[in-house]
N, C-alpha and C. Protein backbone atom coordinates (compact mmCIF):
# COMPACT_ATOMS: atom_id res chain seq x y z
N MET A 1 110.25 87.20 195.63
CA MET A 1 110.90 86.59 194.68
C MET A 1 112.15 86.74 194.83
N LYS A 2 112.82 85.20 194.82
CA LYS A 2 114.22 85.34 194.87
C LYS A 2 115.38 84.63 193.56
N VAL A 3 116.02 85.02 193.83
CA VAL A 3 117.16 84.51 192.01
C VAL A 3 118.69 84.53 193.18
N VAL A 4 119.24 83.10 192.67
CA VAL A 4 120.58 82.89 193.09
C VAL A 4 121.25 82.73 192.07
N LEU A 5 122.72 83.54 191.85
CA LEU A 5 123.54 83.51 191.23
C LEU A 5 124.59 82.85 191.59
N GLU A 6 125.22 82.04 190.69
CA GLU A 6 126.78 81.67 191.16
C GLU A 6 127.77 81.71 190.07
N LYS A 7 128.27 82.47 189.95
CA LYS A 7 129.41 82.48 188.44
C LYS A 7 130.86 82.81 188.83
N VAL A 8 131.33 82.49 187.59
CA VAL A 8 132.84 82.81 187.52
C VAL A 8 133.50 83.35 186.27
N PHE A 9 134.16 84.15 186.53
CA PHE A 9 134.47 85.23 185.22
C PHE A 9 135.95 85.28 185.31
N PRO A 10 136.77 85.08 183.94
CA PRO A 10 138.07 85.40 183.82
C PRO A 10 138.48 86.93 183.60
N LEU A 11 139.46 87.39 184.21
CA LEU A 11 140.02 88.75 184.01
C LEU A 11 141.24 88.67 183.63
N ALA A 12 141.60 89.43 182.24
CA ALA A 12 143.05 89.87 182.13
C ALA A 12 143.64 90.38 182.55
N ALA A 13 143.94 90.22 183.88
CA ALA A 13 144.49 91.02 184.93
C ALA A 13 145.20 90.57 185.98
N THR A 14 146.12 91.13 187.02
CA THR A 14 146.70 90.04 188.23
C THR A 14 145.78 90.10 189.54
N ALA A 15 145.77 89.50 189.81
CA ALA A 15 145.13 89.15 191.22
C ALA A 15 145.02 90.35 192.18
N ASP A 16 146.38 90.85 192.34
CA ASP A 16 146.70 91.96 192.89
C ASP A 16 145.79 93.19 192.40
N SER A 17 145.52 93.15 191.17
CA SER A 17 144.89 94.87 190.62
C SER A 17 143.53 94.50 190.83
N ALA A 18 143.00 93.36 190.33
CA ALA A 18 141.39 93.09 190.51
C ALA A 18 140.97 93.28 192.24
N TRP A 19 141.94 92.72 193.28
CA TRP A 19 141.52 92.96 194.57
C TRP A 19 141.50 94.47 194.84
N GLN A 20 142.95 95.31 194.47
CA GLN A 20 142.78 96.72 194.85
C GLN A 20 141.31 97.22 194.31
N LEU A 21 140.79 97.12 192.91
CA LEU A 21 139.93 97.72 192.93
C LEU A 21 138.38 97.31 193.57
N MET A 22 138.59 95.77 193.95
CA MET A 22 137.44 95.44 194.56
C MET A 22 137.34 96.51 196.00
N GLN A 23 138.26 96.60 196.52
CA GLN A 23 138.46 96.99 197.96
C GLN A 23 137.80 98.60 197.76
N ASP A 24 137.79 99.21 196.55
CA ASP A 24 137.33 100.60 196.40
C ASP A 24 135.65 100.54 196.15
N ILE A 25 134.80 100.59 197.62
CA ILE A 25 133.33 100.22 196.90
C ILE A 25 132.34 101.25 196.16
N GLU A 26 132.88 102.19 196.22
CA GLU A 26 132.53 103.43 195.06
C GLU A 26 132.37 102.64 193.79
N ALA A 27 133.72 102.70 193.63
CA ALA A 27 133.95 102.33 191.89
C ALA A 27 133.72 101.10 191.63
N VAL A 28 133.24 100.18 192.60
CA VAL A 28 132.43 98.89 192.82
C VAL A 28 131.22 99.08 192.23
N ALA A 29 130.70 99.99 193.39
CA ALA A 29 129.01 100.14 192.71
C ALA A 29 129.01 100.75 191.26
N GLY A 30 130.18 101.61 191.08
CA GLY A 30 130.09 102.70 189.59
C GLY A 30 130.19 101.58 188.47
N CYS A 31 130.49 100.33 188.77
CA CYS A 31 130.55 99.41 187.72
C CYS A 31 128.98 98.72 187.26
N MET A 32 128.22 98.76 188.19
CA MET A 32 126.85 98.21 188.23
C MET A 32 126.18 99.31 187.51
N PRO A 33 125.45 99.04 185.95
CA PRO A 33 124.67 99.92 185.51
C PRO A 33 123.42 100.66 186.10
N GLY A 34 123.62 101.86 186.31
CA GLY A 34 121.95 102.38 187.13
C GLY A 34 122.66 102.65 188.47
N ALA A 35 123.73 101.98 188.96
CA ALA A 35 124.04 102.31 190.09
C ALA A 35 125.05 103.66 190.54
N LYS A 36 124.71 103.84 192.22
CA LYS A 36 125.70 105.09 192.45
C LYS A 36 125.64 105.25 193.80
N ILE A 37 126.95 105.68 194.53
CA ILE A 37 126.77 105.47 196.05
C ILE A 37 126.71 106.90 196.27
N THR A 38 125.99 107.48 197.16
CA THR A 38 125.64 108.89 196.97
C THR A 38 126.09 109.10 198.89
N GLU A 39 126.56 108.33 199.41
CA GLU A 39 126.81 108.59 200.74
C GLU A 39 127.87 107.56 201.42
N ARG A 40 129.09 108.23 201.73
CA ARG A 40 129.73 107.13 202.46
C ARG A 40 129.81 107.51 204.53
N VAL A 41 128.91 106.61 205.09
CA VAL A 41 128.49 106.94 206.23
C VAL A 41 129.79 106.48 207.35
N ASP A 42 130.35 105.47 206.98
CA ASP A 42 131.70 105.49 207.65
C ASP A 42 132.59 104.18 206.77
N ALA A 43 133.25 103.61 207.21
CA ALA A 43 134.09 102.33 206.59
C ALA A 43 133.24 101.74 205.54
N THR A 44 132.68 101.02 206.62
CA THR A 44 131.40 99.87 206.00
C THR A 44 129.89 100.59 205.57
N HIS A 45 129.19 101.01 205.74
CA HIS A 45 128.17 101.76 205.69
C HIS A 45 128.32 103.03 204.65
N TYR A 46 127.22 102.52 203.49
CA TYR A 46 127.04 103.38 202.41
C TYR A 46 125.46 103.58 201.88
N LYS A 47 125.11 104.87 201.70
CA LYS A 47 123.97 104.70 200.86
C LYS A 47 124.03 104.77 199.38
N GLY A 48 122.96 104.40 198.32
CA GLY A 48 123.08 104.71 197.00
C GLY A 48 121.93 104.70 196.71
N THR A 49 121.92 104.56 195.23
CA THR A 49 120.75 104.24 194.60
C THR A 49 120.90 103.67 193.07
N ILE A 50 119.72 103.06 192.85
CA ILE A 50 119.75 102.38 191.59
C ILE A 50 118.62 102.76 190.82
N THR A 51 118.82 102.95 189.13
CA THR A 51 117.63 103.45 188.80
C THR A 51 117.43 102.47 187.70
N VAL A 52 116.43 102.05 187.08
CA VAL A 52 115.84 100.96 186.31
C VAL A 52 114.62 101.56 185.28
N ARG A 53 115.15 101.02 184.06
CA ARG A 53 113.79 101.71 183.29
C ARG A 53 113.28 100.75 182.42
N LEU A 54 111.85 100.55 182.59
CA LEU A 54 111.43 99.29 181.84
C LEU A 54 110.57 100.02 180.64
N GLY A 55 110.89 100.18 179.84
CA GLY A 55 110.13 101.14 178.55
C GLY A 55 109.67 102.26 179.04
N PRO A 56 108.54 102.77 179.21
CA PRO A 56 107.99 104.31 179.51
C PRO A 56 108.18 104.47 180.91
N ALA A 57 108.16 103.33 181.80
CA ALA A 57 108.20 103.47 183.33
C ALA A 57 109.54 103.30 184.20
N THR A 58 110.15 104.20 184.98
CA THR A 58 111.40 104.44 185.34
C THR A 58 111.35 104.36 186.82
N MET A 59 111.92 103.39 187.54
CA MET A 59 112.13 103.26 188.71
C MET A 59 113.50 103.22 189.58
N SER A 60 113.27 104.23 190.58
CA SER A 60 114.08 104.23 191.42
C SER A 60 114.20 103.86 192.83
N PHE A 61 115.23 103.05 192.79
CA PHE A 61 115.50 102.77 194.48
C PHE A 61 116.56 103.15 195.30
N LYS A 62 116.22 103.44 196.42
CA LYS A 62 117.30 103.99 197.29
C LYS A 62 117.29 103.31 198.56
N GLY A 63 118.70 102.89 198.92
CA GLY A 63 118.96 102.21 200.56
C GLY A 63 120.13 102.14 200.66
N ASP A 64 120.34 101.07 201.37
CA ASP A 64 121.71 101.11 202.15
C ASP A 64 122.58 99.74 201.96
N ILE A 65 123.77 100.09 202.09
CA ILE A 65 124.68 99.24 201.76
C ILE A 65 125.83 98.87 202.87
N GLU A 66 125.66 97.47 202.97
CA GLU A 66 126.84 97.55 204.51
C GLU A 66 127.79 96.13 204.20
N VAL A 67 129.45 96.76 204.11
CA VAL A 67 130.15 95.97 204.12
C VAL A 67 130.26 94.62 205.22
N LEU A 68 130.20 93.40 205.13
CA LEU A 68 130.10 92.76 206.19
C LEU A 68 131.75 92.02 206.40
N ASP A 69 132.03 92.01 205.36
CA ASP A 69 133.68 91.17 205.67
C ASP A 69 134.37 91.53 204.53
N LEU A 70 135.86 92.12 204.47
CA LEU A 70 136.97 92.43 203.83
C LEU A 70 137.69 92.04 203.54
N ASP A 71 138.19 90.46 203.38
CA ASP A 71 139.14 89.58 203.58
C ASP A 71 140.51 89.94 202.82
N ARG A 72 141.26 90.61 203.03
CA ARG A 72 142.74 91.00 202.36
C ARG A 72 143.29 89.47 201.93
N ALA A 73 143.36 88.69 203.00
CA ALA A 73 144.21 87.09 203.08
C ALA A 73 143.70 85.76 202.36
N SER A 74 142.40 86.15 201.49
CA SER A 74 141.70 85.14 201.03
C SER A 74 140.92 86.08 199.67
N ARG A 75 141.37 87.56 199.57
CA ARG A 75 140.71 88.45 198.52
C ARG A 75 139.15 88.33 198.19
N ARG A 76 138.61 88.68 199.32
CA ARG A 76 137.03 88.19 199.66
C ARG A 76 136.28 89.34 200.05
N LEU A 77 135.23 89.76 199.15
CA LEU A 77 134.42 90.69 199.45
C LEU A 77 132.85 89.97 200.03
N HIS A 78 132.21 90.48 201.17
CA HIS A 78 130.67 90.17 201.37
C HIS A 78 130.17 91.16 201.70
N LEU A 79 129.15 91.50 201.26
CA LEU A 79 128.33 92.84 201.31
C LEU A 79 126.58 92.75 201.49
N THR A 80 126.00 93.30 201.76
CA THR A 80 124.72 93.47 201.69
C THR A 80 123.81 94.33 201.17
N GLY A 81 122.69 94.70 200.40
CA GLY A 81 122.22 95.69 200.02
C GLY A 81 120.61 95.80 200.37
N LYS A 82 120.37 96.55 200.69
CA LYS A 82 118.54 96.73 200.84
C LYS A 82 118.06 98.07 200.39
N GLY A 83 116.96 98.19 199.63
CA GLY A 83 116.38 99.79 199.41
C GLY A 83 114.83 99.54 199.05
N ALA A 84 114.15 100.42 198.99
CA ALA A 84 112.90 100.76 198.37
C ALA A 84 112.87 101.59 197.37
N ASP A 85 111.29 101.81 196.44
CA ASP A 85 111.21 102.93 195.09
C ASP A 85 110.78 103.99 196.31
N ALA A 86 110.62 105.01 195.67
CA ALA A 86 110.08 106.21 196.12
C ALA A 86 108.55 105.94 196.79
N SER A 87 108.00 105.56 195.74
CA SER A 87 106.41 105.16 196.33
C SER A 87 106.09 103.94 197.19
N GLY A 88 107.27 103.31 197.53
CA GLY A 88 107.21 102.50 198.53
C GLY A 88 106.25 100.95 198.30
N THR A 89 106.43 100.74 196.99
CA THR A 89 105.29 99.63 196.36
C THR A 89 106.48 98.60 196.16
N SER A 90 107.46 98.86 196.25
CA SER A 90 108.11 98.11 195.68
C SER A 90 110.20 98.30 196.40
N ALA A 91 110.35 96.74 196.63
CA ALA A 91 111.44 96.58 197.58
C ALA A 91 112.39 95.84 196.79
N ALA A 92 113.73 95.70 197.47
CA ALA A 92 114.76 94.80 196.85
C ALA A 92 115.84 94.36 197.76
N SER A 93 116.76 93.56 197.83
CA SER A 93 117.56 93.31 198.83
C SER A 93 118.57 92.35 198.12
N MET A 94 120.05 92.34 198.45
CA MET A 94 120.89 91.34 197.77
C MET A 94 122.03 91.02 199.15
N ASP A 95 122.24 90.20 198.80
CA ASP A 95 123.73 89.37 199.58
C ASP A 95 124.51 88.96 198.40
N LEU A 96 125.98 89.45 198.32
CA LEU A 96 126.76 89.11 197.17
C LEU A 96 128.34 88.73 198.11
N VAL A 97 128.74 87.61 197.86
CA VAL A 97 130.41 87.31 198.13
C VAL A 97 130.86 87.24 196.80
N ALA A 98 131.94 87.85 196.85
CA ALA A 98 132.75 87.80 195.77
C ALA A 98 134.20 87.65 196.29
N ALA A 99 135.13 87.06 195.09
CA ALA A 99 136.28 86.69 195.61
C ALA A 99 137.24 86.79 194.46
N VAL A 100 138.64 87.10 194.26
CA VAL A 100 139.49 87.46 193.46
C VAL A 100 140.44 85.98 193.96
N ARG A 101 140.70 85.26 192.25
CA ARG A 101 141.21 84.03 192.62
C ARG A 101 142.57 84.11 191.66
N ALA A 102 143.44 83.71 192.22
CA ALA A 102 144.57 83.85 191.02
C ALA A 102 144.79 82.71 190.11
N THR A 103 144.94 83.01 188.69
CA THR A 103 145.31 81.82 187.55
C THR A 103 146.46 82.26 187.27
N GLY A 104 147.57 81.73 187.50
CA GLY A 104 148.81 82.04 187.07
C GLY A 104 149.27 83.78 187.15
N GLU A 105 149.40 84.11 185.69
CA GLU A 105 149.50 85.56 185.73
C GLU A 105 148.28 86.42 185.62
N SER A 106 147.10 85.87 185.83
CA SER A 106 145.66 86.31 185.54
C SER A 106 144.89 85.56 186.54
N CYS A 107 143.56 86.05 186.57
CA CYS A 107 142.88 85.94 188.07
C CYS A 107 141.44 85.53 187.10
N GLU A 108 140.72 85.20 188.36
CA GLU A 108 139.21 85.26 188.29
C GLU A 108 138.32 85.69 189.00
N LEU A 109 137.42 85.83 188.59
CA LEU A 109 136.19 86.72 189.67
C LEU A 109 134.97 85.88 189.81
N THR A 110 134.80 85.25 191.14
CA THR A 110 134.08 84.16 191.57
C THR A 110 132.86 85.43 192.60
N GLY A 111 131.70 84.76 192.05
CA GLY A 111 130.73 85.77 192.88
C GLY A 111 129.54 84.81 193.30
N LYS A 112 129.17 85.00 194.20
CA LYS A 112 127.41 84.37 194.64
C LYS A 112 127.00 85.52 195.03
N SER A 113 125.36 85.49 194.28
CA SER A 113 124.63 86.45 194.84
C SER A 113 122.99 85.96 195.06
N GLU A 114 122.34 86.63 196.38
CA GLU A 114 121.09 86.21 196.43
C GLU A 114 120.41 87.66 196.33
N VAL A 115 119.08 87.72 195.20
CA VAL A 115 118.68 88.86 194.80
C VAL A 115 117.13 88.61 195.15
N THR A 116 116.53 89.29 196.38
CA THR A 116 115.34 89.05 196.38
C THR A 116 114.34 90.38 195.79
N MET A 117 113.35 90.32 195.30
CA MET A 117 112.32 91.50 194.85
C MET A 117 111.10 91.32 195.44
N SER A 118 110.39 92.02 195.50
CA SER A 118 109.27 92.23 196.17
C SER A 118 108.13 93.34 195.86
N GLY A 119 106.75 92.97 195.55
CA GLY A 119 106.07 94.26 195.20
C GLY A 119 106.13 94.51 193.78
N LYS A 120 105.94 95.70 193.34
CA LYS A 120 105.72 96.15 191.88
C LYS A 120 106.96 95.50 190.89
N ALA A 121 108.08 95.57 191.42
CA ALA A 121 109.34 95.28 190.52
C ALA A 121 109.08 93.64 190.49
N ALA A 122 108.84 92.76 191.36
CA ALA A 122 108.81 91.42 191.33
C ALA A 122 107.74 91.18 190.32
N SER A 123 106.73 91.58 190.16
CA SER A 123 105.25 91.68 189.12
C SER A 123 105.94 91.81 187.95
N LEU A 124 106.95 92.96 188.03
CA LEU A 124 107.19 93.50 186.11
C LEU A 124 108.16 92.78 185.83
N GLY A 125 108.65 91.88 186.67
CA GLY A 125 110.27 90.97 186.43
C GLY A 125 109.85 89.93 185.57
N GLY A 126 108.93 88.81 186.93
CA GLY A 126 108.34 87.79 186.34
C GLY A 126 109.48 86.58 186.37
N ARG A 127 108.84 85.94 185.12
CA ARG A 127 110.27 85.18 185.01
C ARG A 127 111.71 85.27 183.94
N LEU A 128 111.37 86.34 183.65
CA LEU A 128 112.84 87.04 183.14
C LEU A 128 113.74 87.60 184.34
N MET A 129 113.39 87.47 185.46
CA MET A 129 114.06 88.08 186.59
C MET A 129 115.49 87.26 186.72
N GLY A 130 115.58 86.37 186.77
CA GLY A 130 116.76 85.42 186.63
C GLY A 130 117.59 85.61 185.62
N PRO A 131 117.03 85.20 183.97
CA PRO A 131 117.90 85.84 182.63
C PRO A 131 118.69 87.17 183.13
N VAL A 132 117.61 88.06 183.26
CA VAL A 132 118.13 89.65 183.45
C VAL A 132 118.75 89.76 184.26
N SER A 133 118.66 89.21 185.45
CA SER A 133 119.98 88.91 186.93
C SER A 133 121.40 88.79 186.09
N GLU A 134 121.43 87.69 185.08
CA GLU A 134 122.44 87.35 184.95
C GLU A 134 122.99 87.95 183.61
N GLN A 135 122.02 89.03 183.02
CA GLN A 135 122.70 90.03 181.78
C GLN A 135 123.18 91.02 182.67
N MET A 136 122.74 91.41 183.83
CA MET A 136 123.07 92.62 184.63
C MET A 136 124.81 92.36 185.11
N LEU A 137 125.00 90.89 185.67
CA LEU A 137 126.17 90.47 186.27
C LEU A 137 126.91 90.76 185.11
N ARG A 138 126.66 90.17 184.03
CA ARG A 138 127.91 90.07 182.58
C ARG A 138 128.24 91.66 182.14
N GLN A 139 127.40 92.90 182.64
CA GLN A 139 127.41 94.46 182.49
C GLN A 139 128.29 94.66 183.46
N PHE A 140 128.09 94.09 184.70
CA PHE A 140 128.87 94.72 185.54
C PHE A 140 130.47 94.36 185.65
N VAL A 141 130.61 93.13 185.00
CA VAL A 141 131.99 92.36 184.73
C VAL A 141 132.59 93.12 183.96
N ALA A 142 131.81 93.01 182.73
CA ALA A 142 132.38 93.92 181.53
C ALA A 142 132.89 95.50 182.20
N ASN A 143 132.40 96.12 182.75
CA ASN A 143 132.55 97.41 183.53
C ASN A 143 133.93 97.46 184.60
N PHE A 144 133.79 96.38 185.27
CA PHE A 144 134.77 96.33 186.27
C PHE A 144 136.25 95.96 185.56
N ALA A 145 136.12 94.89 184.65
CA ALA A 145 137.28 94.43 183.69
C ALA A 145 137.76 95.90 183.05
N ALA A 146 136.92 96.63 182.54
CA ALA A 146 137.39 97.83 182.03
C ALA A 146 137.97 98.88 182.67
N ARG A 147 138.06 98.92 184.07
CA ARG A 147 138.79 99.53 185.02
C ARG A 147 140.14 99.35 185.13
N LEU A 148 140.18 97.88 184.79
CA LEU A 148 141.38 97.36 185.69
C LEU A 148 142.97 97.78 185.06
N PRO A 149 142.93 98.20 183.66
CA PRO A 149 144.41 98.55 182.96
C PRO A 149 144.75 99.78 183.63
N ALA A 150 144.02 100.55 184.14
CA ALA A 150 143.95 101.80 184.54
C ALA A 150 144.63 101.76 186.30
N VAL A 151 144.22 100.36 187.04
CA VAL A 151 144.83 100.12 188.30
C VAL A 151 146.02 99.12 187.85
N GLN A 152 146.27 98.53 186.71
CA GLN A 152 147.46 97.96 186.58
C GLN A 152 148.67 98.95 186.11
N ALA A 153 148.28 100.14 185.63
CA ALA A 153 149.23 100.98 185.51
C ALA A 153 149.64 102.04 186.30
N GLN A 154 148.59 101.85 187.46
CA GLN A 154 148.88 102.79 188.61
C GLN A 154 150.09 102.17 189.48
N GLN A 155 149.65 100.78 189.34
CA GLN A 155 150.43 100.07 190.35
C GLN A 155 151.93 99.64 189.92
N THR A 156 152.22 99.71 188.33
CA THR A 156 153.36 99.54 187.72
C THR A 156 154.11 101.34 188.02
N ALA A 157 153.50 101.95 188.13
CA ALA A 157 154.24 103.43 188.46
C ALA A 157 154.49 103.46 189.85
N LEU A 158 154.41 102.44 190.90
CA LEU A 158 154.52 102.61 192.12
C LEU A 158 155.86 101.88 192.33
N PRO A 159 156.66 102.24 193.07
CA PRO A 159 157.70 101.77 193.56
C PRO A 159 157.83 100.40 193.79
N GLY A 160 158.26 98.99 193.18
CA GLY A 160 158.21 97.72 193.11
C GLY A 160 156.99 97.47 192.67
N GLY A 161 156.41 97.98 192.34
CA GLY A 161 154.91 97.69 191.85
C GLY A 161 153.79 97.34 193.21
N ALA A 162 154.12 98.07 194.28
CA ALA A 162 153.13 97.59 195.30
C ALA A 162 151.87 98.03 195.30
N ALA A 163 150.79 97.13 195.54
CA ALA A 163 149.71 97.99 195.50
C ALA A 163 148.96 98.68 196.86
N GLN A 164 148.33 99.89 196.27
CA GLN A 164 148.15 100.39 197.58
C GLN A 164 146.59 100.64 197.29
N PRO A 165 146.17 100.81 198.54
CA PRO A 165 144.35 101.17 198.78
C PRO A 165 144.21 102.58 198.09
N GLN A 166 143.27 102.26 197.21
CA GLN A 166 142.53 103.27 196.66
C GLN A 166 141.74 104.01 197.09
N THR A 167 141.62 105.52 196.91
CA THR A 167 140.84 106.38 197.72
C THR A 167 139.84 107.12 196.66
N GLN A 168 139.96 107.19 194.93
CA GLN A 168 139.49 107.44 194.08
C GLN A 168 139.29 105.79 193.19
N PRO A 169 138.12 106.07 192.23
CA PRO A 169 138.02 105.22 191.40
C PRO A 169 138.94 105.61 190.14
N PRO A 170 139.73 104.31 189.27
CA PRO A 170 140.64 104.93 188.22
C PRO A 170 139.94 106.00 187.50
N ALA A 171 140.79 106.87 186.76
CA ALA A 171 140.24 108.01 185.93
C ALA A 171 139.59 107.54 184.55
N ALA A 172 138.73 107.91 184.02
CA ALA A 172 138.12 106.90 182.60
C ALA A 172 139.12 107.27 181.41
N THR A 173 139.56 106.38 180.63
CA THR A 173 140.12 106.59 179.20
C THR A 173 139.28 106.28 178.34
N PRO A 174 140.09 106.57 177.07
CA PRO A 174 139.08 106.27 175.86
C PRO A 174 138.94 104.73 175.58
N ASP A 175 139.77 104.05 176.30
CA ASP A 175 139.43 102.53 176.45
C ASP A 175 138.78 102.41 177.22
N THR A 176 138.21 102.85 178.49
CA THR A 176 137.09 102.70 179.75
C THR A 176 135.69 103.41 178.98
N ALA A 177 134.96 102.70 178.84
CA ALA A 177 133.61 103.54 178.62
C ALA A 177 132.99 103.91 180.28
N ALA A 178 132.11 104.77 180.14
CA ALA A 178 131.57 104.98 181.27
C ALA A 178 130.06 103.87 181.42
N PRO A 179 129.73 103.35 182.58
CA PRO A 179 128.36 102.52 182.49
C PRO A 179 127.22 103.45 182.21
N PRO A 180 126.46 103.06 181.69
CA PRO A 180 125.22 103.71 181.62
C PRO A 180 124.48 104.33 182.79
N SER A 181 123.77 105.38 182.51
CA SER A 181 123.42 106.05 183.68
C SER A 181 122.15 105.42 184.29
N GLU A 182 121.45 104.42 183.49
CA GLU A 182 120.52 103.97 184.27
C GLU A 182 120.37 102.70 183.68
N LEU A 183 119.84 101.77 184.46
CA LEU A 183 119.99 100.09 183.85
C LEU A 183 118.31 99.71 182.87
N ASN A 184 118.84 99.87 181.73
CA ASN A 184 117.47 99.53 180.84
C ASN A 184 116.89 98.35 180.54
N GLY A 185 116.20 97.78 181.13
CA GLY A 185 115.38 96.54 181.24
C GLY A 185 115.00 95.73 179.93
N LEU A 186 114.51 96.98 179.26
CA LEU A 186 114.52 96.16 177.73
C LEU A 186 115.32 95.98 177.21
N ALA A 187 116.43 96.92 177.08
CA ALA A 187 117.65 96.11 176.61
C ALA A 187 118.14 94.73 177.19
N LEU A 188 118.16 94.66 178.73
CA LEU A 188 118.56 93.40 179.22
C LEU A 188 117.56 92.07 178.56
N ALA A 189 116.19 92.58 178.40
CA ALA A 189 115.14 91.33 178.22
C ALA A 189 115.45 91.05 176.66
N TRP A 190 116.13 92.28 175.87
CA TRP A 190 116.19 91.40 174.80
C TRP A 190 117.40 91.21 174.33
N ALA A 191 118.70 91.03 175.33
CA ALA A 191 119.87 90.43 175.32
C ALA A 191 119.41 88.68 175.72
N VAL A 192 118.51 88.53 176.58
CA VAL A 192 118.20 87.34 177.15
C VAL A 192 117.59 86.68 175.96
N VAL A 193 116.42 87.19 175.01
CA VAL A 193 115.80 86.71 174.17
C VAL A 193 116.78 86.31 172.91
N ARG A 194 117.85 87.18 173.03
CA ARG A 194 118.75 87.16 171.95
C ARG A 194 119.35 85.43 172.00
N ASP A 195 120.02 85.49 173.49
CA ASP A 195 120.48 84.63 173.83
C ASP A 195 120.08 83.22 173.57
N TRP A 196 118.84 83.24 174.05
CA TRP A 196 117.85 82.06 173.82
C TRP A 196 117.78 81.53 172.53
N LEU A 197 117.30 82.60 171.61
CA LEU A 197 117.45 82.29 170.00
C LEU A 197 118.46 82.00 169.57
N ARG A 198 120.25 82.25 170.17
CA ARG A 198 121.17 81.51 169.78
C ARG A 198 121.62 79.98 169.67
N GLY A 199 120.66 80.13 171.13
CA GLY A 199 120.70 78.52 171.70
C GLY A 199 119.71 77.61 170.72
N ILE A 200 118.86 77.95 170.17
CA ILE A 200 117.85 77.13 169.58
C ILE A 200 118.26 76.92 168.14
N PHE A 201 119.22 77.71 167.54
CA PHE A 201 119.45 77.45 166.14
C PHE A 201 120.88 76.97 166.32
N SER A 202 122.03 77.31 167.49
CA SER A 202 123.33 76.21 167.50
C SER A 202 122.30 74.66 167.51
N ARG A 203 121.60 74.45 168.43
CA ARG A 203 120.95 73.26 168.55
C ARG A 203 120.60 72.62 167.21
N LYS A 204 119.78 73.15 166.47
CA LYS A 204 119.89 72.86 164.91
C LYS A 204 120.62 72.29 164.18
N THR A 205 121.58 73.21 164.53
CA THR A 205 122.73 73.22 163.20
C THR A 205 123.67 72.14 164.20
N ALA A 206 123.67 71.54 164.85
CA ALA A 206 124.46 70.79 165.51
C ALA A 206 124.59 69.32 165.24
């Protein structure tokens, strides 16, 4: 089962700040609920895990991430990931292209992702896979945006405000909530149903 998503999200930050954060692969992975980088093999290869809870069942995927392209001129990131659960009954892969586009003093985060799931994970997701994937993307962008103030503050403190490559994710602040330790599938499903109900009632009252 494959889902393709292509979205644009506005960010209340400069393009330089967003791009600086995007180059920190560990920090970017940390913005995805339930995801974690466990090992940096080299500059373009990583190992990681993602945990998904669907009611009483918990599925943990282990896999590899490869950065195929990191184009500073166009502020564009292209990476792929693939993994399987411990039982070998489920597998998933992802191809992601993300870019930062300046819009005056702020910017936009554009992204296109292709997610493919097979086995038990695909049968559990069923028709909800598309909407749930979109909710995951929204959570990711919210966590990404929450890290940006710390990046901008770091840039402001540097001479001339020059952007420097990050070696560690920005430190958490009271306004920067940590992402959930695992991805709650039921909570995402409820968010999908909630949005669907809002759509119905808005059409009725229009």
